[in-house]
Each structure stands twice: as C-alpha cells, then as structure tokens.
PDB file of N, CA and C in Angstrom:
ATOM      1  N   MET A   1     -13.520   3.048  13.997  1.00  0.00           N
ATOM      2  CA  MET A   1     -12.568   2.125  14.570  1.00  0.00           C
ATOM      3  C   MET A   1     -11.181   2.778  14.544  1.00  0.00           C
ATOM      4  N   ASN A   2     -10.467   2.698  15.644  1.00  0.00           N
ATOM      5  CA  ASN A   2      -9.107   3.231  15.734  1.00  0.00           C
ATOM      6  C   ASN A   2      -8.136   2.306  15.012  1.00  0.00           C
ATOM      7  N   ILE A   3      -7.120   2.882  14.394  1.00  0.00           N
ATOM      8  CA  ILE A   3      -6.082   2.109  13.713  1.00  0.00           C
ATOM      9  C   ILE A   3      -4.768   2.385  14.425  1.00  0.00           C
ATOM     10  N   VAL A   4      -4.083   1.318  14.830  1.00  0.00           N
ATOM     11  CA  VAL A   4      -2.811   1.422  15.539  1.00  0.00           C
ATOM     12  C   VAL A   4      -1.763   0.654  14.737  1.00  0.00           C
ATOM     13  N   TRP A   5      -0.599   1.250  14.551  1.00  0.00           N
ATOM     14  CA  TRP A   5       0.500   0.597  13.851  1.00  0.00           C
ATOM     15  C   TRP A   5       1.568   0.195  14.866  1.00  0.00           C
ATOM     16  N   THR A   6       2.081  -1.014  14.747  1.00  0.00           N
ATOM     17  CA  THR A   6       3.196  -1.426  15.596  1.00  0.00           C
ATOM     18  C   THR A   6       4.472  -0.770  15.047  1.00  0.00           C
ATOM     19  N   PRO A   7       5.508  -0.640  15.879  1.00  0.00           N
ATOM     20  CA  PRO A   7       6.775  -0.087  15.388  1.00  0.00           C
ATOM     21  C   PRO A   7       7.341  -0.896  14.210  1.00  0.00           C
ATOM     22  N   LEU A   8       7.160  -2.218  14.236  1.00  0.00           N
ATOM     23  CA  LEU A   8       7.644  -3.055  13.141  1.00  0.00           C
ATOM     24  C   LEU A   8       6.919  -2.727  11.839  1.00  0.00           C
ATOM     25  N   ALA A   9       5.624  -2.529  11.888  1.00  0.00           N
ATOM     26  CA  ALA A   9       4.859  -2.179  10.688  1.00  0.00           C
ATOM     27  C   ALA A   9       5.313  -0.828  10.139  1.00  0.00           C
ATOM     28  N   GLU A  10       5.518   0.133  11.014  1.00  0.00           N
ATOM     29  CA  GLU A  10       5.996   1.450  10.572  1.00  0.00           C
ATOM     30  C   GLU A  10       7.366   1.335   9.911  1.00  0.00           C
ATOM     31  N   GLU A  11       8.249   0.549  10.516  1.00  0.00           N
ATOM     32  CA  GLU A  11       9.599   0.380   9.991  1.00  0.00           C
ATOM     33  C   GLU A  11       9.575  -0.278   8.609  1.00  0.00           C
ATOM     34  N   ARG A  12       8.779  -1.318   8.455  1.00  0.00           N
ATOM     35  CA  ARG A  12       8.728  -2.022   7.169  1.00  0.00           C
ATOM     36  C   ARG A  12       8.089  -1.156   6.083  1.00  0.00           C
ATOM     37  N   ALA A  13       7.065  -0.395   6.425  1.00  0.00           N
ATOM     38  CA  ALA A  13       6.456   0.517   5.441  1.00  0.00           C
ATOM     39  C   ALA A  13       7.479   1.569   5.016  1.00  0.00           C
ATOM     40  N   ALA A  14       8.247   2.073   5.974  1.00  0.00           N
ATOM     41  CA  ALA A  14       9.275   3.074   5.659  1.00  0.00           C
ATOM     42  C   ALA A  14      10.347   2.491   4.746  1.00  0.00           C
ATOM     43  N   GLU A  15      10.703   1.217   4.942  1.00  0.00           N
ATOM     44  CA  GLU A  15      11.690   0.566   4.082  1.00  0.00           C
ATOM     45  C   GLU A  15      11.181   0.467   2.645  1.00  0.00           C
ATOM     46  N   ILE A  16       9.914   0.103   2.476  1.00  0.00           N
ATOM     47  CA  ILE A  16       9.347  -0.006   1.133  1.00  0.00           C
ATOM     48  C   ILE A  16       9.312   1.358   0.463  1.00  0.00           C
ATOM     49  N   VAL A  17       8.889   2.368   1.214  1.00  0.00           N
ATOM     50  CA  VAL A  17       8.845   3.734   0.658  1.00  0.00           C
ATOM     51  C   VAL A  17      10.246   4.191   0.275  1.00  0.00           C
ATOM     52  N   ALA A  18      11.229   3.910   1.108  1.00  0.00           N
ATOM     53  CA  ALA A  18      12.606   4.326   0.811  1.00  0.00           C
ATOM     54  C   ALA A  18      13.124   3.660  -0.459  1.00  0.00           C
ATOM     55  N   SER A  19      12.785   2.381  -0.656  1.00  0.00           N
ATOM     56  CA  SER A  19      13.261   1.702  -1.861  1.00  0.00           C
ATOM     57  C   SER A  19      12.580   2.266  -3.106  1.00  0.00           C
ATOM     58  N   MET A  20      11.302   2.616  -3.007  1.00  0.00           N
ATOM     59  CA  MET A  20      10.602   3.216  -4.140  1.00  0.00           C
ATOM     60  C   MET A  20      11.096   4.638  -4.390  1.00  0.00           C
ATOM     61  N   LYS A  21      11.363   5.357  -3.303  1.00  0.00           N
ATOM     62  CA  LYS A  21      11.793   6.753  -3.408  1.00  0.00           C
ATOM     63  C   LYS A  21      13.122   6.869  -4.124  1.00  0.00           C
ATOM     64  N   ALA A  22      13.955   5.840  -4.016  1.00  0.00           N
ATOM     65  CA  ALA A  22      15.244   5.856  -4.704  1.00  0.00           C
ATOM     66  C   ALA A  22      15.045   5.923  -6.212  1.00  0.00           C
ATOM     67  N   ASP A  23      13.954   5.343  -6.703  1.00  0.00           N
ATOM     68  CA  ASP A  23      13.666   5.360  -8.141  1.00  0.00           C
ATOM     69  C   ASP A  23      12.766   6.528  -8.526  1.00  0.00           C
ATOM     70  N   ARG A  24      11.666   6.670  -7.815  1.00  0.00           N
ATOM     71  CA  ARG A  24      10.653   7.669  -8.172  1.00  0.00           C
ATOM     72  C   ARG A  24       9.984   8.201  -6.907  1.00  0.00           C
ATOM     73  N   THR A  25      10.250   9.451  -6.592  1.00  0.00           N
ATOM     74  CA  THR A  25       9.681  10.053  -5.391  1.00  0.00           C
ATOM     75  C   THR A  25       8.157  10.091  -5.452  1.00  0.00           C
ATOM     76  N   GLY A  26       7.602  10.492  -6.579  1.00  0.00           N
ATOM     77  CA  GLY A  26       6.146  10.566  -6.718  1.00  0.00           C
ATOM     78  C   GLY A  26       5.484   9.210  -6.587  1.00  0.00           C
ATOM     79  N   ALA A  27       6.134   8.182  -7.117  1.00  0.00           N
ATOM     80  CA  ALA A  27       5.581   6.828  -7.025  1.00  0.00           C
ATOM     81  C   ALA A  27       5.533   6.374  -5.569  1.00  0.00           C
ATOM     82  N   ALA A  28       6.559   6.684  -4.813  1.00  0.00           N
ATOM     83  CA  ALA A  28       6.598   6.299  -3.399  1.00  0.00           C
ATOM     84  C   ALA A  28       5.474   6.985  -2.627  1.00  0.00           C
ATOM     85  N   TRP A  29       5.263   8.255  -2.912  1.00  0.00           N
ATOM     86  CA  TRP A  29       4.197   8.994  -2.228  1.00  0.00           C
ATOM     87  C   TRP A  29       2.828   8.416  -2.575  1.00  0.00           C
ATOM     88  N   ARG A  30       2.603   8.118  -3.863  1.00  0.00           N
ATOM     89  CA  ARG A  30       1.315   7.547  -4.272  1.00  0.00           C
ATOM     90  C   ARG A  30       1.103   6.171  -3.656  1.00  0.00           C
ATOM     91  N   TRP A  31       2.164   5.370  -3.571  1.00  0.00           N
ATOM     92  CA  TRP A  31       2.039   4.049  -2.957  1.00  0.00           C
ATOM     93  C   TRP A  31       1.652   4.186  -1.489  1.00  0.00           C
ATOM     94  N   LEU A  32       2.306   5.094  -0.782  1.00  0.00           N
ATOM     95  CA  LEU A  32       2.013   5.290   0.635  1.00  0.00           C
ATOM     96  C   LEU A  32       0.565   5.749   0.838  1.00  0.00           C
ATOM     97  N   GLN A  33       0.100   6.659   0.000  1.00  0.00           N
ATOM     98  CA  GLN A  33      -1.296   7.119   0.105  1.00  0.00           C
ATOM     99  C   GLN A  33      -2.262   5.969  -0.169  1.00  0.00           C
ATOM    100  N   GLY A  34      -1.930   5.139  -1.141  1.00  0.00           N
ATOM    101  CA  GLY A  34      -2.758   3.967  -1.441  1.00  0.00           C
ATOM    102  C   GLY A  34      -2.769   2.972  -0.292  1.00  0.00           C
ATOM    103  N   LEU A  35      -1.609   2.776   0.339  1.00  0.00           N
ATOM    104  CA  LEU A  35      -1.515   1.876   1.485  1.00  0.00           C
ATOM    105  C   LEU A  35      -2.391   2.367   2.630  1.00  0.00           C
ATOM    106  N   LEU A  36      -2.311   3.647   2.931  1.00  0.00           N
ATOM    107  CA  LEU A  36      -3.122   4.207   4.021  1.00  0.00           C
ATOM    108  C   LEU A  36      -4.615   4.073   3.719  1.00  0.00           C
ATOM    109  N   ALA A  37      -4.995   4.289   2.456  1.00  0.00           N
ATOM    110  CA  ALA A  37      -6.400   4.129   2.073  1.00  0.00           C
ATOM    111  C   ALA A  37      -6.834   2.682   2.212  1.00  0.00           C
ATOM    112  N   ARG A  38      -5.956   1.741   1.844  1.00  0.00           N
ATOM    113  CA  ARG A  38      -6.280   0.312   1.959  1.00  0.00           C
ATOM    114  C   ARG A  38      -6.485  -0.075   3.420  1.00  0.00           C
ATOM    115  N   VAL A  39      -5.622   0.416   4.301  1.00  0.00           N
ATOM    116  CA  VAL A  39      -5.743   0.113   5.735  1.00  0.00           C
ATOM    117  C   VAL A  39      -7.049   0.691   6.285  1.00  0.00           C
ATOM    118  N   ARG A  40      -7.380   1.925   5.895  1.00  0.00           N
ATOM    119  CA  ARG A  40      -8.654   2.518   6.343  1.00  0.00           C
ATOM    120  C   ARG A  40      -9.840   1.697   5.841  1.00  0.00           C
ATOM    121  N   GLY A  41      -9.762   1.238   4.602  1.00  0.00           N
ATOM    122  CA  GLY A  41     -10.829   0.417   4.038  1.00  0.00           C
ATOM    123  C   GLY A  41     -10.995  -0.890   4.784  1.00  0.00           C
ATOM    124  N   ILE A  42      -9.894  -1.522   5.119  1.00  0.00           N
ATOM    125  CA  ILE A  42      -9.957  -2.777   5.881  1.00  0.00           C
ATOM    126  C   ILE A  42     -10.618  -2.528   7.225  1.00  0.00           C
ATOM    127  N   SER A  43     -10.245  -1.441   7.885  1.00  0.00           N
ATOM    128  CA  SER A  43     -10.794  -1.166   9.219  1.00  0.00           C
ATOM    129  C   SER A  43     -12.304  -0.943   9.166  1.00  0.00           C
ATOM    130  N   GLN A  44     -12.808  -0.437   8.053  1.00  0.00           N
ATOM    131  CA  GLN A  44     -14.245  -0.199   7.932  1.00  0.00           C
ATOM    132  C   GLN A  44     -15.010  -1.483   7.665  1.00  0.00           C
ATOM    133  N   TYR A  45     -14.431  -2.377   6.839  1.00  0.00           N
ATOM    134  CA  TYR A  45     -15.178  -3.562   6.432  1.00  0.00           C
ATOM    135  C   TYR A  45     -14.918  -4.783   7.283  1.00  0.00           C
ATOM    136  N   GLU A  46     -13.858  -4.783   8.063  1.00  0.00           N
ATOM    137  CA  GLU A  46     -13.534  -5.937   8.885  1.00  0.00           C
ATOM    138  C   GLU A  46     -13.934  -5.748  10.349  1.00  0.00           C
ATOM    139  N   SER A  47     -14.694  -4.722  10.636  1.00  0.00           N
ATOM    140  CA  SER A  47     -14.968  -4.387  12.031  1.00  0.00           C
ATOM    141  C   SER A  47     -15.827  -5.420  12.744  1.00  0.00           C
ATOM    142  N   LEU A  48     -16.485  -6.305  12.031  1.00  0.00           N
ATOM    143  CA  LEU A  48     -17.359  -7.277  12.682  1.00  0.00           C
ATOM    144  C   LEU A  48     -16.630  -8.539  13.115  1.00  0.00           C
ATOM    145  N   SER A  49     -15.523  -8.873  12.481  1.00  0.00           N
ATOM    146  CA  SER A  49     -14.844 -10.130  12.785  1.00  0.00           C
ATOM    147  C   SER A  49     -13.513  -9.885  13.490  1.00  0.00           C
ATOM    148  N   GLU A  50     -13.441 -10.298  14.748  1.00  0.00           N
ATOM    149  CA  GLU A  50     -12.202 -10.138  15.502  1.00  0.00           C
ATOM    150  C   GLU A  50     -11.234 -11.250  15.135  1.00  0.00           C
ATOM    151  N   GLY A  51      -9.947 -10.962  15.243  1.00  0.00           N
ATOM    152  CA  GLY A  51      -8.920 -11.967  14.972  1.00  0.00           C
ATOM    153  C   GLY A  51      -7.890 -11.459  13.992  1.00  0.00           C
ATOM    154  N   LEU A  52      -7.009 -12.381  13.567  1.00  0.00           N
ATOM    155  CA  LEU A  52      -5.950 -12.043  12.635  1.00  0.00           C
ATOM    156  C   LEU A  52      -6.468 -12.030  11.205  1.00  0.00           C
ATOM    157  N   GLY A  53      -5.844 -11.206  10.388  1.00  0.00           N
ATOM    158  CA  GLY A  53      -6.206 -11.158   8.982  1.00  0.00           C
ATOM    159  C   GLY A  53      -5.041 -10.663   8.157  1.00  0.00           C
ATOM    160  N   GLU A  54      -5.175 -10.811   6.848  1.00  0.00           N
ATOM    161  CA  GLU A  54      -4.157 -10.279   5.962  1.00  0.00           C
ATOM    162  C   GLU A  54      -4.816  -9.830   4.671  1.00  0.00           C
ATOM    163  N   ALA A  55      -4.183  -8.846   4.051  1.00  0.00           N
ATOM    164  CA  ALA A  55      -4.686  -8.296   2.802  1.00  0.00           C
ATOM    165  C   ALA A  55      -3.491  -8.008   1.911  1.00  0.00           C
ATOM    166  N   TYR A  56      -3.666  -8.177   0.615  1.00  0.00           N
ATOM    167  CA  TYR A  56      -2.588  -7.925  -0.333  1.00  0.00           C
ATOM    168  C   TYR A  56      -2.619  -6.477  -0.786  1.00  0.00           C
ATOM    169  N   PHE A  57      -1.463  -5.839  -0.774  1.00  0.00           N
ATOM    170  CA  PHE A  57      -1.277  -4.522  -1.359  1.00  0.00           C
ATOM    171  C   PHE A  57       0.131  -4.513  -1.931  1.00  0.00           C
ATOM    172  N   SER A  58       0.238  -4.592  -3.249  1.00  0.00           N
ATOM    173  CA  SER A  58       1.520  -4.775  -3.934  1.00  0.00           C
ATOM    174  C   SER A  58       2.563  -3.780  -3.447  1.00  0.00           C
ATOM    175  N   PRO A  59       3.744  -4.206  -3.096  1.00  0.00           N
ATOM    176  CA  PRO A  59       4.355  -5.525  -3.234  1.00  0.00           C
ATOM    177  C   PRO A  59       4.367  -6.325  -1.933  1.00  0.00           C
ATOM    178  N   CYS A  60       3.370  -6.185  -1.095  1.00  0.00           N
ATOM    179  CA  CYS A  60       3.414  -6.863   0.200  1.00  0.00           C
ATOM    180  C   CYS A  60       2.022  -7.281   0.674  1.00  0.00           C
ATOM    181  N   ARG A  61       2.041  -8.050   1.741  1.00  0.00           N
ATOM    182  CA  ARG A  61       0.808  -8.410   2.438  1.00  0.00           C
ATOM    183  C   ARG A  61       0.775  -7.645   3.747  1.00  0.00           C
ATOM    184  N   ILE A  62      -0.393  -7.106   4.050  1.00  0.00           N
ATOM    185  CA  ILE A  62      -0.600  -6.386   5.304  1.00  0.00           C
ATOM    186  C   ILE A  62      -1.115  -7.407   6.313  1.00  0.00           C
ATOM    187  N   ILE A  63      -0.420  -7.576   7.404  1.00  0.00           N
ATOM    188  CA  ILE A  63      -0.847  -8.495   8.460  1.00  0.00           C
ATOM    189  C   ILE A  63      -1.411  -7.641   9.582  1.00  0.00           C
ATOM    190  N   TYR A  64      -2.646  -7.931   9.988  1.00  0.00           N
ATOM    191  CA  TYR A  64      -3.307  -7.100  10.986  1.00  0.00           C
ATOM    192  C   TYR A  64      -4.140  -7.955  11.945  1.00  0.00           C
ATOM    193  N   ARG A  65      -4.540  -7.329  13.031  1.00  0.00           N
ATOM    194  CA  ARG A  65      -5.404  -7.980  14.027  1.00  0.00           C
ATOM    195  C   ARG A  65      -6.559  -7.036  14.317  1.00  0.00           C
ATOM    196  N   ILE A  66      -7.756  -7.567  14.266  1.00  0.00           N
ATOM    197  CA  ILE A  66      -8.945  -6.795  14.622  1.00  0.00           C
ATOM    198  C   ILE A  66      -9.280  -7.116  16.073  1.00  0.00           C
ATOM    199  N   GLU A  67      -9.378  -6.091  16.874  1.00  0.00           N
ATOM    200  CA  GLU A  67      -9.774  -6.231  18.266  1.00  0.00           C
ATOM    201  C   GLU A  67     -11.138  -5.580  18.433  1.00  0.00           C
ATOM    202  N   ARG A  68     -11.617  -5.575  19.611  1.00  0.00           N
ATOM    203  CA  ARG A  68     -12.972  -5.074  19.885  1.00  0.00           C
ATOM    204  C   ARG A  68     -13.234  -3.677  19.323  1.00  0.00           C
ATOM    205  N   ASP A  69     -12.332  -2.748  19.583  1.00  0.00           N
ATOM    206  CA  ASP A  69     -12.568  -1.367  19.166  1.00  0.00           C
ATOM    207  C   ASP A  69     -11.427  -0.767  18.345  1.00  0.00           C
ATOM    208  N   ARG A  70     -10.497  -1.624  17.863  1.00  0.00           N
ATOM    209  CA  ARG A  70      -9.388  -1.098  17.090  1.00  0.00           C
ATOM    210  C   ARG A  70      -8.824  -2.150  16.140  1.00  0.00           C
ATOM    211  N   MET A  71      -8.093  -1.644  15.171  1.00  0.00           N
ATOM    212  CA  MET A  71      -7.352  -2.494  14.238  1.00  0.00           C
ATOM    213  C   MET A  71      -5.873  -2.243  14.484  1.00  0.00           C
ATOM    214  N   VAL A  72      -5.106  -3.306  14.641  1.00  0.00           N
ATOM    215  CA  VAL A  72      -3.668  -3.183  14.868  1.00  0.00           C
ATOM    216  C   VAL A  72      -2.950  -3.696  13.622  1.00  0.00           C
ATOM    217  N   VAL A  73      -2.223  -2.811  12.943  1.00  0.00           N
ATOM    218  CA  VAL A  73      -1.409  -3.216  11.805  1.00  0.00           C
ATOM    219  C   VAL A  73      -0.130  -3.793  12.394  1.00  0.00           C
ATOM    220  N   LEU A  74       0.053  -5.111  12.227  1.00  0.00           N
ATOM    221  CA  LEU A  74       1.161  -5.794  12.881  1.00  0.00           C
ATOM    222  C   LEU A  74       2.464  -5.683  12.092  1.00  0.00           C
ATOM    223  N   THR A  75       2.412  -5.987  10.801  1.00  0.00           N
ATOM    224  CA  THR A  75       3.625  -5.961   9.991  1.00  0.00           C
ATOM    225  C   THR A  75       3.264  -6.071   8.514  1.00  0.00           C
ATOM    226  N   PHE A  76       4.280  -6.071   7.677  1.00  0.00           N
ATOM    227  CA  PHE A  76       4.144  -6.285   6.242  1.00  0.00           C
ATOM    228  C   PHE A  76       5.099  -7.394   5.846  1.00  0.00           C
ATOM    229  N   HIS A  77       4.673  -8.257   4.949  1.00  0.00           N
ATOM    230  CA  HIS A  77       5.539  -9.303   4.406  1.00  0.00           C
ATOM    231  C   HIS A  77       5.669  -9.081   2.915  1.00  0.00           C
ATOM    232  N   ALA A  78       6.907  -9.009   2.454  1.00  0.00           N
ATOM    233  CA  ALA A  78       7.148  -8.824   1.020  1.00  0.00           C
ATOM    234  C   ALA A  78       6.680 -10.062   0.268  1.00  0.00           C
ATOM    235  N   VAL A  79       6.098  -9.822  -0.895  1.00  0.00           N
ATOM    236  CA  VAL A  79       5.651 -10.909  -1.757  1.00  0.00           C
ATOM    237  C   VAL A  79       6.524 -10.854  -3.002  1.00  0.00           C
ATOM    238  N   GLY A  80       7.491 -11.746  -3.084  1.00  0.00           N
ATOM    239  CA  GLY A  80       8.404 -11.742  -4.229  1.00  0.00           C
ATOM    240  C   GLY A  80       9.320 -10.538  -4.182  1.00  0.00           C
ATOM    241  N   ARG A  81      10.029 -10.327  -5.269  1.00  0.00           N
ATOM    242  CA  ARG A  81      10.905  -9.168  -5.368  1.00  0.00           C
ATOM    243  C   ARG A  81      10.100  -7.931  -5.671  1.00  0.00           C
ATOM    244  N   HIS A  82      10.559  -6.815  -5.157  1.00  0.00           N
ATOM    245  CA  HIS A  82       9.910  -5.540  -5.467  1.00  0.00           C
ATOM    246  C   HIS A  82      10.147  -5.240  -6.937  1.00  0.00           C
ATOM    247  N   ARG A  83       9.073  -4.998  -7.660  1.00  0.00           N
ATOM    248  CA  ARG A  83       9.220  -4.604  -9.052  1.00  0.00           C
ATOM    249  C   ARG A  83       8.394  -3.353  -9.268  1.00  0.00           C
ATOM    250  N   LYS A  84       8.817  -2.556 -10.204  1.00  0.00           N
ATOM    251  CA  LYS A  84       8.097  -1.327 -10.478  1.00  0.00           C
ATOM    252  C   LYS A  84       6.741  -1.665 -11.073  1.00  0.00           C
ATOM    253  N   SER A  85       5.743  -0.988 -10.631  1.00  0.00           N
ATOM    254  CA  SER A  85       4.400  -1.178 -11.153  1.00  0.00           C
ATOM    255  C   SER A  85       4.081  -0.018 -12.084  1.00  0.00           C
ATOM    256  N   ALA A  86       3.494  -0.313 -13.227  1.00  0.00           N
ATOM    257  CA  ALA A  86       3.120   0.742 -14.166  1.00  0.00           C
ATOM    258  C   ALA A  86       2.144   1.707 -13.514  1.00  0.00           C
ATOM    259  N   ARG A  87       1.393   1.216 -12.549  1.00  0.00           N
ATOM    260  CA  ARG A  87       0.425   2.050 -11.854  1.00  0.00           C
ATOM    261  C   ARG A  87       1.100   3.211 -11.139  1.00  0.00           C
ATOM    262  N   TYR A  88       2.322   3.005 -10.668  1.00  0.00           N
ATOM    263  CA  TYR A  88       3.001   4.025  -9.890  1.00  0.00           C
ATOM    264  C   TYR A  88       4.170   4.676 -10.618  1.00  0.00           C
ATOM    265  N   GLU A  89       4.376   4.341 -11.887  1.00  0.00           N
ATOM    266  CA  GLU A  89       5.459   4.985 -12.617  1.00  0.00           C
ATOM    267  C   GLU A  89       5.070   6.405 -13.004  1.00  0.00           C
ATOM    268  N   GLU A  90       6.032   7.284 -12.966  1.00  0.00           N
ATOM    269  CA  GLU A  90       5.785   8.675 -13.324  1.00  0.00           C
ATOM    270  C   GLU A  90       5.905   8.851 -14.829  1.00  0.00           C
ATOM    271  N   ARG A  91       5.013   9.631 -15.398  1.00  0.00           N
ATOM    272  CA  ARG A  91       5.078   9.957 -16.819  1.00  0.00           C
ATOM    273  C   ARG A  91       5.861  11.249 -16.984  1.00  0.00           C
ATOM    274  N   PRO A  92       6.456  11.446 -18.165  1.00  0.00           N
ATOM    275  CA  PRO A  92       7.093  12.744 -18.423  1.00  0.00           C
ATOM    276  C   PRO A  92       6.043  13.846 -18.340  1.00  0.00           C
ATOM    277  N   PRO A  93       6.414  15.066 -17.974  1.00  0.00           N
ATOM    278  CA  PRO A  93       5.448  16.145 -17.775  1.00  0.00           C
ATOM    279  C   PRO A  93       4.513  16.392 -18.965  1.00  0.00           C
ATOM    280  N   ALA A  94       4.983  16.230 -20.192  1.00  0.00           N
ATOM    281  CA  ALA A  94       4.155  16.529 -21.367  1.00  0.00           C
ATOM    282  C   ALA A  94       3.382  15.316 -21.878  1.00  0.00           C
ATOM    283  N   ALA A  95       3.567  14.150 -21.264  1.00  0.00           N
ATOM    284  CA  ALA A  95       2.914  12.933 -21.746  1.00  0.00           C
ATOM    285  C   ALA A  95       1.428  12.938 -21.400  1.00  0.00           C
ATOM    286  N   PRO A  96       0.594  12.495 -22.334  1.00  0.00           N
ATOM    287  CA  PRO A  96      -0.841  12.413 -22.034  1.00  0.00           C
ATOM    288  C   PRO A  96      -1.103  11.294 -21.038  1.00  0.00           C
ATOM    289  N   PRO A  97      -2.195  11.358 -20.284  1.00  0.00           N
ATOM    290  CA  PRO A  97      -2.510  10.289 -19.348  1.00  0.00           C
ATOM    291  C   PRO A  97      -2.713   8.977 -20.082  1.00  0.00           C
ATOM    292  N   SER A  98      -2.214   7.909 -19.500  1.00  0.00           N
ATOM    293  CA  SER A  98      -2.397   6.610 -20.126  1.00  0.00           C
ATOM    294  C   SER A  98      -3.650   5.953 -19.574  1.00  0.00           C
ATOM    295  N   SER A  99      -4.289   5.186 -20.414  1.00  0.00           N
ATOM    296  CA  SER A  99      -5.492   4.470 -20.017  1.00  0.00           C
ATOM    297  C   SER A  99      -5.443   3.078 -20.583  1.00  0.00           C
ATOM    298  N   PRO A 100      -5.702   2.059 -19.778  1.00  0.00           N
ATOM    299  CA  PRO A 100      -5.665   0.694 -20.291  1.00  0.00           C
ATOM    300  C   PRO A 100      -6.778   0.429 -21.308  1.00  0.00           C
ATOM    301  N   ASP A 101      -7.818   1.276 -21.325  1.00  0.00           N
ATOM    302  CA  ASP A 101      -8.936   1.071 -22.235  1.00  0.00           C
ATOM    303  C   ASP A 101      -8.696   1.728 -23.595  1.00  0.00           C
ATOM    304  N   ARG A 102      -7.753   2.654 -23.651  1.00  0.00           N
ATOM    305  CA  ARG A 102      -7.501   3.393 -24.876  1.00  0.00           C
ATOM    306  C   ARG A 102      -6.194   2.948 -25.509  1.00  0.00           C
ATOM    307  N   PRO A 103      -6.180   2.668 -26.819  1.00  0.00           N
ATOM    308  CA  PRO A 103      -4.914   2.314 -27.454  1.00  0.00           C
ATOM    309  C   PRO A 103      -3.978   3.501 -27.496  1.00  0.00           C
ATOM    310  N   SER A 104      -2.709   3.208 -27.483  1.00  0.00           N
ATOM    311  CA  SER A 104      -1.696   4.259 -27.523  1.00  0.00           C
ATOM    312  C   SER A 104      -1.653   4.874 -28.908  1.00  0.00           C
ATOM    313  N   THR A 105      -1.399   6.188 -28.981  1.00  0.00           N
ATOM    314  CA  THR A 105      -1.335   6.882 -30.270  1.00  0.00           C
ATOM    315  C   THR A 105       0.104   7.042 -30.733  1.00  0.00           C
ATOM    316  N   ALA A 106       1.042   6.465 -30.002  1.00  0.00           N
ATOM    317  CA  ALA A 106       2.466   6.612 -30.349  1.00  0.00           C
ATOM    318  C   ALA A 106       2.852   5.690 -31.464  1.00  0.00           C
TER     319      ALA A 106
END
C-alpha cells in the first residue's frame, strides 16, 4: 500500500521534531524513526477497512484516511503538552543501558 503525506502532516511532524531537537537531537531522530515505523505498520494492518482513522503516537494522534490503494496521512493533533519521554532521553555515553525490568545499581 502506498503512503502519502499531506503538506500539513509534513509541517506538523517537522514542528514536533524541531521542538524535540532543541532539547535532544538523538531523541528527535529516534522519535521520527518510530513515527515512520508506526505509519508503515498502520498501512499494513488497516488495508482492509477504507475510511478515516487515528492512532496514538506520543505526543500526538496520527489522523489518516485509508483509500482503495493508499494511505493518506492527513495531519497530527497534539495530545496535551509535549513532555520529554524517558523512552527518548539520551543517556550519558558511559551510562549502562536502562531496563524497566532490572533495578538500578546506582
């Protein structure tokens, strides 16, 4: 299935990336990669039902339309204030990887 982004969707995604990039460049890049993966995933699993849809991807909702042979990403709507997510925060270079299943040794 082809994926098409409207100019508004591109603009809003760029705004979110720019706001994240001001704090953490790596976090912004990881968020963008996650967003693209989420959109690809939606296009694979929503291909049977035509019409409007939305999916959550922090800090926004993805608004899209499924058509016969393509998915159109219409826009993004912010959900609350943008807050930093621990998932996308950068660790210091020497810090061990964090895991929610493992207690911290600090």
